[in-house]
Amino acid sequence: MKSLHKKLVVITGAASGIGEALAHACAEAGADLLLADIDLQRLNNLAAALTGQFKNAGTNQRVLTQSCDVASEADLQTLAATALQEFGGADVLFNNAGVALVAPVLSGKLADAHWLMDINFWGVVHGCRAFAPHMHARPDAVIVNISSIFAMLSLPTQSFYNASKAAVRAFSDSLREELRVSRKDETGSKYGIHVLCVHPGGIRTRLVEQARLGNITAMAANAESLNKQFKRIARTSPEQAAIAILSAVRKRKTRLLIGTDARIGDFFYRLFPSRASTWFAGLLRRQRKHS
């Protein structure tokens, strides 16, 4: 996709973090926006800021917001219906909404694990199933699924988060092949839906701050320490992540690593797939001792 000008961009989890940064970046690129989140107050504040930006710039861009719990298939179907009714369909879908859970497998609550999988994995599935049928009618359409470097590297107390992001990676790879099948528009030009899977490293968002926590002693002394540890490690801003993602969309990449930590982690995973997680966990333990 060469340009987002006059395209409709749909973003889930748009009220903060990478989603909010993507909204601003897409707005600057000339896109119309359909923003979804469960945090309506933050979402509406974002929409008001973008509307003011459009007015000051004298553009005719539009921004709509909609309450959406991505764990609900019905909510995603309703969001897709809004995109179709108001804009004729979506050109770019960012399946961005995600949550975190820090808890051991044996002592953690299974209800929390189901909560995480419903959002991180099934939210992506619901989004793709709701929007892809309409996006086939939009030449150069793109679906962007947000995974994580934790799809490759694993840590203690992160088993369910790791599993959800690895599932997004595998799902995206298969979906890409299914949607690669070319279709023809009225001019005879062939097109399909492109799928990009994104693997961020540490991004300075509220992910850990809002995480559900079990026994975290394997990672930190308490929640405050865990959050401070994450902030030390997270070197990439949401704005930097958004710029990288939009560049990958324009270049039609299928896979994107964001941050030096993600690139180094992926390098070791490729070299030593059975030992990379042990190395990574040991590195974090050493950092904790010296902090």
C-alpha atoms as a PDB file:
ATOM      1  CA  MET A   1       0.000   0.000   0.000  1.00  0.00           C
ATOM      2  CA  LYS A   2       1.683   3.163  -1.203  1.00  0.00           C
ATOM      3  CA  SER A   3      -0.511   5.652   0.635  1.00  0.00           C
ATOM      4  CA  LEU A   4      -3.109   5.822   3.407  1.00  0.00           C
ATOM      5  CA  HIS A   5      -4.633   9.004   1.956  1.00  0.00           C
ATOM      6  CA  LYS A   6      -8.449   8.702   1.948  1.00  0.00           C
ATOM      7  CA  LYS A   7      -8.207   5.094   3.154  1.00  0.00           C
ATOM      8  CA  LEU A   8     -10.217   3.784   6.105  1.00  0.00           C
ATOM      9  CA  VAL A   9      -8.054   2.497   8.941  1.00  0.00           C
ATOM     10  CA  VAL A  10      -9.631   0.460  11.754  1.00  0.00           C
ATOM     11  CA  ILE A  11      -7.693   0.104  15.017  1.00  0.00           C
ATOM     12  CA  THR A  12      -8.659  -2.023  18.001  1.00  0.00           C
ATOM     13  CA  GLY A  13      -7.150  -1.157  21.368  1.00  0.00           C
ATOM     14  CA  ALA A  14      -6.857   2.396  20.032  1.00  0.00           C
ATOM     15  CA  ALA A  15      -7.211   4.296  23.304  1.00  0.00           C
ATOM     16  CA  SER A  16      -3.572   3.976  24.413  1.00  0.00           C
ATOM     17  CA  GLY A  17      -0.127   2.626  23.616  1.00  0.00           C
ATOM     18  CA  ILE A  18       0.659   1.481  20.104  1.00  0.00           C
ATOM     19  CA  GLY A  19      -2.990   1.832  19.078  1.00  0.00           C
ATOM     20  CA  GLU A  20      -3.112   5.509  20.034  1.00  0.00           C
ATOM     21  CA  ALA A  21       0.212   6.178  18.296  1.00  0.00           C
ATOM     22  CA  LEU A  22      -1.053   4.406  15.171  1.00  0.00           C
ATOM     23  CA  ALA A  23      -4.175   6.568  15.194  1.00  0.00           C
ATOM     24  CA  HIS A  24      -2.081   9.750  15.190  1.00  0.00           C
ATOM     25  CA  ALA A  25       0.314   8.431  12.533  1.00  0.00           C
ATOM     26  CA  CYS A  26      -2.498   7.284  10.238  1.00  0.00           C
ATOM     27  CA  ALA A  27      -4.298  10.603  10.699  1.00  0.00           C
ATOM     28  CA  GLU A  28      -1.153  12.458   9.650  1.00  0.00           C
ATOM     29  CA  ALA A  29      -0.996  10.209   6.576  1.00  0.00           C
ATOM     30  CA  GLY A  30      -4.480  11.341   5.510  1.00  0.00           C
ATOM     31  CA  ALA A  31      -6.562   8.338   6.564  1.00  0.00           C
ATOM     32  CA  ASP A  32     -10.091   8.213   7.914  1.00  0.00           C
ATOM     33  CA  LEU A  33     -10.287   6.394  11.230  1.00  0.00           C
ATOM     34  CA  LEU A  34     -12.613   3.979  12.971  1.00  0.00           C
ATOM     35  CA  LEU A  35     -11.223   3.579  16.488  1.00  0.00           C
ATOM     36  CA  ALA A  36     -12.317   0.864  18.918  1.00  0.00           C
ATOM     37  CA  ASP A  37     -11.595   0.197  22.582  1.00  0.00           C
ATOM     38  CA  ILE A  38     -13.328  -0.687  25.842  1.00  0.00           C
ATOM     39  CA  ASP A  39     -11.995   2.511  27.467  1.00  0.00           C
ATOM     40  CA  LEU A  40     -14.499   4.959  26.002  1.00  0.00           C
ATOM     41  CA  GLN A  41     -13.283   7.980  27.942  1.00  0.00           C
ATOM     42  CA  ARG A  42      -9.728   7.731  26.622  1.00  0.00           C
ATOM     43  CA  LEU A  43     -11.047   6.794  23.186  1.00  0.00           C
ATOM     44  CA  ASN A  44     -13.319   9.835  22.978  1.00  0.00           C
ATOM     45  CA  ASN A  45     -10.511  12.107  24.203  1.00  0.00           C
ATOM     46  CA  LEU A  46      -8.335  10.775  21.386  1.00  0.00           C
ATOM     47  CA  ALA A  47     -11.091  11.294  18.838  1.00  0.00           C
ATOM     48  CA  ALA A  48     -11.634  14.870  20.032  1.00  0.00           C
ATOM     49  CA  ALA A  49      -7.929  15.626  19.654  1.00  0.00           C
ATOM     50  CA  LEU A  50      -7.863  14.157  16.137  1.00  0.00           C
ATOM     51  CA  THR A  51     -11.039  15.999  15.126  1.00  0.00           C
ATOM     52  CA  GLY A  52      -9.464  19.257  16.251  1.00  0.00           C
ATOM     53  CA  GLN A  53      -6.345  18.384  14.277  1.00  0.00           C
ATOM     54  CA  PHE A  54      -8.415  17.755  11.128  1.00  0.00           C
ATOM     55  CA  LYS A  55     -10.323  21.013  11.583  1.00  0.00           C
ATOM     56  CA  ASN A  56      -7.168  23.058  12.029  1.00  0.00           C
ATOM     57  CA  ALA A  57      -5.620  21.453   8.973  1.00  0.00           C
ATOM     58  CA  GLY A  58      -8.748  22.047   6.915  1.00  0.00           C
ATOM     59  CA  THR A  59      -9.046  18.412   5.840  1.00  0.00           C
ATOM     60  CA  ASN A  60     -12.270  16.467   5.404  1.00  0.00           C
ATOM     61  CA  GLN A  61     -10.980  13.400   7.269  1.00  0.00           C
ATOM     62  CA  ARG A  62     -13.368  11.592   9.560  1.00  0.00           C
ATOM     63  CA  VAL A  63     -12.877   9.809  12.857  1.00  0.00           C
ATOM     64  CA  LEU A  64     -15.492   7.568  14.464  1.00  0.00           C
ATOM     65  CA  THR A  65     -15.247   5.703  17.751  1.00  0.00           C
ATOM     66  CA  GLN A  66     -16.992   2.577  18.926  1.00  0.00           C
ATOM     67  CA  SER A  67     -16.967   0.629  22.151  1.00  0.00           C
ATOM     68  CA  CYS A  68     -15.590  -2.820  21.402  1.00  0.00           C
ATOM     69  CA  ASP A  69     -14.527  -5.797  23.482  1.00  0.00           C
ATOM     70  CA  VAL A  70     -12.461  -7.864  21.056  1.00  0.00           C
ATOM     71  CA  ALA A  71     -13.200 -10.985  23.091  1.00  0.00           C
ATOM     72  CA  SER A  72     -16.758 -10.654  21.787  1.00  0.00           C
ATOM     73  CA  GLU A  73     -17.303 -11.904  18.250  1.00  0.00           C
ATOM     74  CA  ALA A  74     -20.526  -9.888  18.115  1.00  0.00           C
ATOM     75  CA  ASP A  75     -18.673  -6.655  18.963  1.00  0.00           C
ATOM     76  CA  LEU A  76     -16.236  -7.190  16.088  1.00  0.00           C
ATOM     77  CA  GLN A  77     -19.058  -7.985  13.681  1.00  0.00           C
ATOM     78  CA  THR A  78     -20.771  -4.756  14.744  1.00  0.00           C
ATOM     79  CA  LEU A  79     -17.529  -2.826  14.230  1.00  0.00           C
ATOM     80  CA  ALA A  80     -17.163  -4.297  10.736  1.00  0.00           C
ATOM     81  CA  ALA A  81     -20.765  -3.378   9.963  1.00  0.00           C
ATOM     82  CA  THR A  82     -20.032   0.226  10.970  1.00  0.00           C
ATOM     83  CA  ALA A  83     -16.991   0.301   8.678  1.00  0.00           C
ATOM     84  CA  LEU A  84     -19.090  -1.006   5.802  1.00  0.00           C
ATOM     85  CA  GLN A  85     -22.041   1.312   6.412  1.00  0.00           C
ATOM     86  CA  GLU A  86     -20.095   4.518   7.085  1.00  0.00           C
ATOM     87  CA  PHE A  87     -17.081   4.097   4.785  1.00  0.00           C
ATOM     88  CA  GLY A  88     -17.862   1.262   2.394  1.00  0.00           C
ATOM     89  CA  GLY A  89     -15.418  -1.065   4.182  1.00  0.00           C
ATOM     90  CA  ALA A  90     -11.960  -1.016   5.720  1.00  0.00           C
ATOM     91  CA  ASP A  91      -8.683  -0.722   3.832  1.00  0.00           C
ATOM     92  CA  VAL A  92      -6.407  -1.432   6.802  1.00  0.00           C
ATOM     93  CA  LEU A  93      -7.273  -3.359   9.964  1.00  0.00           C
ATOM     94  CA  PHE A  94      -4.954  -3.220  12.961  1.00  0.00           C
ATOM     95  CA  ASN A  95      -5.752  -6.071  15.351  1.00  0.00           C
ATOM     96  CA  ASN A  96      -3.878  -4.312  18.136  1.00  0.00           C
ATOM     97  CA  ALA A  97      -5.844  -4.854  21.359  1.00  0.00           C
ATOM     98  CA  GLY A  98      -3.935  -6.923  23.900  1.00  0.00           C
ATOM     99  CA  VAL A  99      -3.473  -7.608  27.603  1.00  0.00           C
ATOM    100  CA  ALA A 100      -0.862  -9.211  29.846  1.00  0.00           C
ATOM    101  CA  LEU A 101      -0.916 -11.859  32.564  1.00  0.00           C
ATOM    102  CA  VAL A 102       2.014 -12.559  34.872  1.00  0.00           C
ATOM    103  CA  ALA A 103       1.405 -15.786  36.778  1.00  0.00           C
ATOM    104  CA  PRO A 104       2.881 -19.303  37.062  1.00  0.00           C
ATOM    105  CA  VAL A 105       1.119 -22.074  35.182  1.00  0.00           C
ATOM    106  CA  LEU A 106       0.452 -24.259  38.218  1.00  0.00           C
ATOM    107  CA  SER A 107      -0.775 -21.610  40.640  1.00  0.00           C
ATOM    108  CA  GLY A 108      -2.291 -19.065  38.262  1.00  0.00           C
ATOM    109  CA  LYS A 109      -6.034 -18.810  37.775  1.00  0.00           C
ATOM    110  CA  LEU A 110      -7.322 -20.505  34.652  1.00  0.00           C
ATOM    111  CA  ALA A 111     -10.012 -17.839  34.406  1.00  0.00           C
ATOM    112  CA  ASP A 112      -7.241 -15.278  33.910  1.00  0.00           C
ATOM    113  CA  ALA A 113      -5.650 -17.450  31.222  1.00  0.00           C
ATOM    114  CA  HIS A 114      -8.964 -17.700  29.367  1.00  0.00           C
ATOM    115  CA  TRP A 115      -9.416 -13.919  29.705  1.00  0.00           C
ATOM    116  CA  LEU A 116      -6.011 -13.335  28.118  1.00  0.00           C
ATOM    117  CA  MET A 117      -6.491 -15.816  25.280  1.00  0.00           C
ATOM    118  CA  ASP A 118      -9.963 -14.419  24.521  1.00  0.00           C
ATOM    119  CA  ILE A 119      -8.423 -10.980  23.927  1.00  0.00           C
ATOM    120  CA  ASN A 120      -4.926 -11.648  22.589  1.00  0.00           C
ATOM    121  CA  PHE A 121      -5.727 -14.570  20.300  1.00  0.00           C
ATOM    122  CA  TRP A 122      -9.470 -14.820  19.769  1.00  0.00           C
ATOM    123  CA  GLY A 123      -9.699 -11.041  19.413  1.00  0.00           C
ATOM    124  CA  VAL A 124      -7.407 -11.314  16.381  1.00  0.00           C
ATOM    125  CA  VAL A 125      -9.439 -14.200  14.982  1.00  0.00           C
ATOM    126  CA  HIS A 126     -12.726 -12.320  15.484  1.00  0.00           C
ATOM    127  CA  GLY A 127     -11.303  -9.226  13.802  1.00  0.00           C
ATOM    128  CA  CYS A 128     -10.028 -11.114  10.765  1.00  0.00           C
ATOM    129  CA  ARG A 129     -13.244 -13.074  10.319  1.00  0.00           C
ATOM    130  CA  ALA A 130     -15.409  -9.969  10.673  1.00  0.00           C
ATOM    131  CA  PHE A 131     -13.463  -7.703   8.300  1.00  0.00           C
ATOM    132  CA  ALA A 132     -11.850  -9.936   5.672  1.00  0.00           C
ATOM    133  CA  PRO A 133     -15.067 -10.629   3.684  1.00  0.00           C
ATOM    134  CA  HIS A 134     -15.549  -6.871   3.171  1.00  0.00           C
ATOM    135  CA  MET A 135     -11.866  -6.124   2.629  1.00  0.00           C
ATOM    136  CA  HIS A 136     -11.753  -8.415  -0.387  1.00  0.00           C
ATOM    137  CA  ALA A 137     -13.612  -5.653  -2.219  1.00  0.00           C
ATOM    138  CA  ARG A 138     -10.878  -3.101  -1.342  1.00  0.00           C
ATOM    139  CA  PRO A 139      -7.820  -3.375  -3.599  1.00  0.00           C
ATOM    140  CA  ASP A 140      -4.527  -3.253  -1.685  1.00  0.00           C
ATOM    141  CA  ALA A 141      -6.199  -4.077   1.664  1.00  0.00           C
ATOM    142  CA  VAL A 142      -3.985  -4.982   4.621  1.00  0.00           C
ATOM    143  CA  ILE A 143      -4.569  -6.802   7.909  1.00  0.00           C
ATOM    144  CA  VAL A 144      -1.983  -6.168  10.620  1.00  0.00           C
ATOM    145  CA  ASN A 145      -1.881  -8.569  13.568  1.00  0.00           C
ATOM    146  CA  ILE A 146       0.162  -7.584  16.615  1.00  0.00           C
ATOM    147  CA  SER A 147       2.125 -10.500  18.061  1.00  0.00           C
ATOM    148  CA  SER A 148       5.310 -10.110  20.152  1.00  0.00           C
ATOM    149  CA  ILE A 149       8.926 -11.178  20.382  1.00  0.00           C
ATOM    150  CA  PHE A 150       7.472 -13.421  23.105  1.00  0.00           C
ATOM    151  CA  ALA A 151       6.103 -15.545  20.281  1.00  0.00           C
ATOM    152  CA  MET A 152       9.711 -16.743  19.972  1.00  0.00           C
ATOM    153  CA  LEU A 153      11.232 -16.157  23.428  1.00  0.00           C
ATOM    154  CA  SER A 154       9.563 -17.381  26.610  1.00  0.00           C
ATOM    155  CA  LEU A 155       9.855 -16.379  30.248  1.00  0.00           C
ATOM    156  CA  PRO A 156       8.661 -17.924  33.528  1.00  0.00           C
ATOM    157  CA  THR A 157       5.228 -16.574  34.548  1.00  0.00           C
ATOM    158  CA  GLN A 158       4.599 -15.583  30.913  1.00  0.00           C
ATOM    159  CA  SER A 159       3.439 -18.950  29.601  1.00  0.00           C
ATOM    160  CA  PHE A 160      -0.079 -17.890  28.644  1.00  0.00           C
ATOM    161  CA  TYR A 161       1.058 -14.593  27.159  1.00  0.00           C
ATOM    162  CA  ASN A 162       3.765 -16.443  25.196  1.00  0.00           C
ATOM    163  CA  ALA A 163       1.181 -18.949  23.985  1.00  0.00           C
ATOM    164  CA  SER A 164      -1.249 -16.255  22.856  1.00  0.00           C
ATOM    165  CA  LYS A 165       1.380 -14.402  20.852  1.00  0.00           C
ATOM    166  CA  ALA A 166       2.781 -17.579  19.301  1.00  0.00           C
ATOM    167  CA  ALA A 167      -0.782 -18.442  18.294  1.00  0.00           C
ATOM    168  CA  VAL A 168      -1.161 -15.048  16.608  1.00  0.00           C
ATOM    169  CA  ARG A 169       2.060 -15.677  14.678  1.00  0.00           C
ATOM    170  CA  ALA A 170       0.976 -19.108  13.436  1.00  0.00           C
ATOM    171  CA  PHE A 171      -2.552 -17.938  12.689  1.00  0.00           C
ATOM    172  CA  SER A 172      -1.234 -14.976  10.683  1.00  0.00           C
ATOM    173  CA  ASP A 173       1.121 -17.156   8.632  1.00  0.00           C
ATOM    174  CA  SER A 174      -1.711 -19.483   7.651  1.00  0.00           C
ATOM    175  CA  LEU A 175      -4.215 -16.682   7.071  1.00  0.00           C
ATOM    176  CA  ARG A 176      -1.737 -14.933   4.772  1.00  0.00           C
ATOM    177  CA  GLU A 177      -1.672 -17.956   2.496  1.00  0.00           C
ATOM    178  CA  GLU A 178      -5.455 -18.234   2.494  1.00  0.00           C
ATOM    179  CA  LEU A 179      -5.953 -14.563   1.611  1.00  0.00           C
ATOM    180  CA  ARG A 180      -3.090 -14.483  -0.879  1.00  0.00           C
ATOM    181  CA  VAL A 181      -5.459 -15.948  -3.494  1.00  0.00           C
ATOM    182  CA  SER A 182      -5.822 -13.209  -6.051  1.00  0.00           C
ATOM    183  CA  ARG A 183      -9.174 -11.807  -7.059  1.00  0.00           C
ATOM    184  CA  LYS A 184      -9.983  -9.510  -9.969  1.00  0.00           C
ATOM    185  CA  ASP A 185     -11.592  -6.086  -9.801  1.00  0.00           C
ATOM    186  CA  GLU A 186     -13.760  -4.526 -12.510  1.00  0.00           C
ATOM    187  CA  THR A 187     -10.642  -3.594 -14.520  1.00  0.00           C
ATOM    188  CA  GLY A 188      -9.280  -7.114 -14.426  1.00  0.00           C
ATOM    189  CA  SER A 189      -6.509  -6.238 -11.965  1.00  0.00           C
ATOM    190  CA  LYS A 190      -5.686  -8.984  -9.497  1.00  0.00           C
ATOM    191  CA  TYR A 191      -5.503  -8.370  -5.786  1.00  0.00           C
ATOM    192  CA  GLY A 192      -5.789 -10.075  -2.403  1.00  0.00           C
ATOM    193  CA  ILE A 193      -5.583  -9.128   1.265  1.00  0.00           C
ATOM    194  CA  HIS A 194      -2.051  -8.705   2.555  1.00  0.00           C
ATOM    195  CA  VAL A 195      -1.267  -9.909   6.110  1.00  0.00           C
ATOM    196  CA  LEU A 196       1.510  -8.412   8.250  1.00  0.00           C
ATOM    197  CA  CYS A 197       2.473  -9.927  11.611  1.00  0.00           C
ATOM    198  CA  VAL A 198       4.278  -7.565  14.003  1.00  0.00           C
ATOM    199  CA  HIS A 199       6.638  -8.675  16.785  1.00  0.00           C
ATOM    200  CA  PRO A 200       7.419  -5.777  19.125  1.00  0.00           C
ATOM    201  CA  GLY A 201      10.032  -5.996  21.841  1.00  0.00           C
ATOM    202  CA  GLY A 202       9.653  -3.804  24.907  1.00  0.00           C
ATOM    203  CA  ILE A 203       7.365  -0.870  24.080  1.00  0.00           C
ATOM    204  CA  ARG A 204       6.713   1.852  26.655  1.00  0.00           C
ATOM    205  CA  THR A 205       2.973   1.248  27.088  1.00  0.00           C
ATOM    206  CA  ARG A 206       0.656   0.549  30.024  1.00  0.00           C
ATOM    207  CA  LEU A 207       0.663  -3.206  29.274  1.00  0.00           C
ATOM    208  CA  VAL A 208       2.443  -4.315  32.464  1.00  0.00           C
ATOM    209  CA  GLU A 209       0.816  -1.609  34.561  1.00  0.00           C
ATOM    210  CA  GLN A 210      -2.609  -2.995  33.608  1.00  0.00           C
ATOM    211  CA  ALA A 211      -1.647  -6.679  33.687  1.00  0.00           C
ATOM    212  CA  ARG A 212      -3.333  -9.258  35.858  1.00  0.00           C
ATOM    213  CA  LEU A 213      -0.841 -10.606  38.372  1.00  0.00           C
ATOM    214  CA  GLY A 214      -0.478 -13.897  40.184  1.00  0.00           C
ATOM    215  CA  ASN A 215       2.637 -14.976  42.042  1.00  0.00           C
ATOM    216  CA  ILE A 216       5.327 -12.822  40.395  1.00  0.00           C
ATOM    217  CA  THR A 217       8.250 -13.597  42.724  1.00  0.00           C
ATOM    218  CA  ALA A 218      10.092 -15.342  39.887  1.00  0.00           C
ATOM    219  CA  MET A 219      10.172 -12.016  38.074  1.00  0.00           C
ATOM    220  CA  ALA A 220      10.029  -9.256  40.712  1.00  0.00           C
ATOM    221  CA  ALA A 221       9.506  -8.590  44.427  1.00  0.00           C
ATOM    222  CA  ASN A 222       6.176  -6.824  43.870  1.00  0.00           C
ATOM    223  CA  ALA A 223       4.004  -5.134  41.256  1.00  0.00           C
ATOM    224  CA  GLU A 224       5.806  -1.811  41.568  1.00  0.00           C
ATOM    225  CA  SER A 225       9.181  -3.456  41.030  1.00  0.00           C
ATOM    226  CA  LEU A 226       7.831  -5.381  38.057  1.00  0.00           C
ATOM    227  CA  ASN A 227       6.578  -2.182  36.447  1.00  0.00           C
ATOM    228  CA  LYS A 228       9.894  -0.398  37.064  1.00  0.00           C
ATOM    229  CA  GLN A 229      11.769  -3.359  35.601  1.00  0.00           C
ATOM    230  CA  PHE A 230       9.607  -3.256  32.483  1.00  0.00           C
ATOM    231  CA  LYS A 231      10.166   0.488  32.063  1.00  0.00           C
ATOM    232  CA  ARG A 232      13.941  -0.025  32.225  1.00  0.00           C
ATOM    233  CA  ILE A 233      13.809  -2.720  29.572  1.00  0.00           C
ATOM    234  CA  ALA A 234      11.256  -1.071  27.271  1.00  0.00           C
ATOM    235  CA  ARG A 235      13.406   1.193  25.109  1.00  0.00           C
ATOM    236  CA  THR A 236      10.995   1.825  22.228  1.00  0.00           C
ATOM    237  CA  SER A 237       8.236   4.434  22.306  1.00  0.00           C
ATOM    238  CA  PRO A 238       4.749   3.738  20.901  1.00  0.00           C
ATOM    239  CA  GLU A 239       5.376   6.497  18.355  1.00  0.00           C
ATOM    240  CA  GLN A 240       8.530   4.750  17.097  1.00  0.00           C
ATOM    241  CA  ALA A 241       6.600   1.489  16.895  1.00  0.00           C
ATOM    242  CA  ALA A 242       3.812   3.129  14.884  1.00  0.00           C
ATOM    243  CA  ILE A 243       6.283   4.615  12.388  1.00  0.00           C
ATOM    244  CA  ALA A 244       7.911   1.214  11.887  1.00  0.00           C
ATOM    245  CA  ILE A 245       4.556  -0.510  11.422  1.00  0.00           C
ATOM    246  CA  LEU A 246       3.298   1.974   8.826  1.00  0.00           C
ATOM    247  CA  SER A 247       6.572   1.673   6.936  1.00  0.00           C
ATOM    248  CA  ALA A 248       6.131  -2.107   6.879  1.00  0.00           C
ATOM    249  CA  VAL A 249       2.546  -1.699   5.647  1.00  0.00           C
ATOM    250  CA  ARG A 250       3.703   0.514   2.776  1.00  0.00           C
ATOM    251  CA  LYS A 251       6.481  -1.928   1.871  1.00  0.00           C
ATOM    252  CA  ARG A 252       4.090  -4.898   2.075  1.00  0.00           C
ATOM    253  CA  LYS A 253       6.266  -6.753   4.534  1.00  0.00           C
ATOM    254  CA  THR A 254       4.927  -9.960   6.035  1.00  0.00           C
ATOM    255  CA  ARG A 255       6.950  -9.844   9.256  1.00  0.00           C
ATOM    256  CA  LEU A 256       8.232  -6.973  11.382  1.00  0.00           C
ATOM    257  CA  LEU A 257      10.475  -6.955  14.453  1.00  0.00           C
ATOM    258  CA  ILE A 258      10.345  -3.712  16.451  1.00  0.00           C
ATOM    259  CA  GLY A 259      13.232  -2.664  18.683  1.00  0.00           C
ATOM    260  CA  THR A 260      16.830  -3.748  19.102  1.00  0.00           C
ATOM    261  CA  ASP A 261      15.744  -6.169  21.830  1.00  0.00           C
ATOM    262  CA  ALA A 262      13.338  -7.905  19.457  1.00  0.00           C
ATOM    263  CA  ARG A 263      15.926  -8.160  16.688  1.00  0.00           C
ATOM    264  CA  ILE A 264      18.600  -9.555  19.047  1.00  0.00           C
ATOM    265  CA  GLY A 265      16.118 -11.957  20.611  1.00  0.00           C
ATOM    266  CA  ASP A 266      14.995 -13.215  17.217  1.00  0.00           C
ATOM    267  CA  PHE A 267      18.632 -13.623  16.115  1.00  0.00           C
ATOM    268  CA  PHE A 268      19.415 -15.866  19.101  1.00  0.00           C
ATOM    269  CA  TYR A 269      16.170 -17.765  18.619  1.00  0.00           C
ATOM    270  CA  ARG A 270      17.112 -18.534  15.021  1.00  0.00           C
ATOM    271  CA  LEU A 271      20.621 -19.657  16.041  1.00  0.00           C
ATOM    272  CA  PHE A 272      19.710 -21.561  19.205  1.00  0.00           C
ATOM    273  CA  PRO A 273      15.956 -22.280  19.202  1.00  0.00           C
ATOM    274  CA  SER A 274      16.147 -24.696  22.147  1.00  0.00           C
ATOM    275  CA  ARG A 275      18.347 -22.464  24.316  1.00  0.00           C
ATOM    276  CA  ALA A 276      17.312 -18.889  23.523  1.00  0.00           C
ATOM    277  CA  SER A 277      14.594 -18.699  26.171  1.00  0.00           C
ATOM    278  CA  THR A 278      16.953 -20.024  28.875  1.00  0.00           C
ATOM    279  CA  TRP A 279      19.520 -17.402  27.896  1.00  0.00           C
ATOM    280  CA  PHE A 280      16.919 -14.635  27.873  1.00  0.00           C
ATOM    281  CA  ALA A 281      15.467 -15.592  31.269  1.00  0.00           C
ATOM    282  CA  GLY A 282      18.946 -15.775  32.770  1.00  0.00           C
ATOM    283  CA  LEU A 283      19.794 -12.320  31.431  1.00  0.00           C
ATOM    284  CA  LEU A 284      16.721 -10.813  33.086  1.00  0.00           C
ATOM    285  CA  ARG A 285      17.531 -12.541  36.384  1.00  0.00           C
ATOM    286  CA  ARG A 286      21.015 -11.038  36.319  1.00  0.00           C
ATOM    287  CA  GLN A 287      19.625  -7.590  35.533  1.00  0.00           C
ATOM    288  CA  ARG A 288      17.240  -7.914  38.482  1.00  0.00           C
ATOM    289  CA  LYS A 289      20.087  -8.776  40.880  1.00  0.00           C
ATOM    290  CA  HIS A 290      22.087  -5.723  39.842  1.00  0.00           C
ATOM    291  CA  SER A 291      19.160  -3.316  39.891  1.00  0.00           C
END
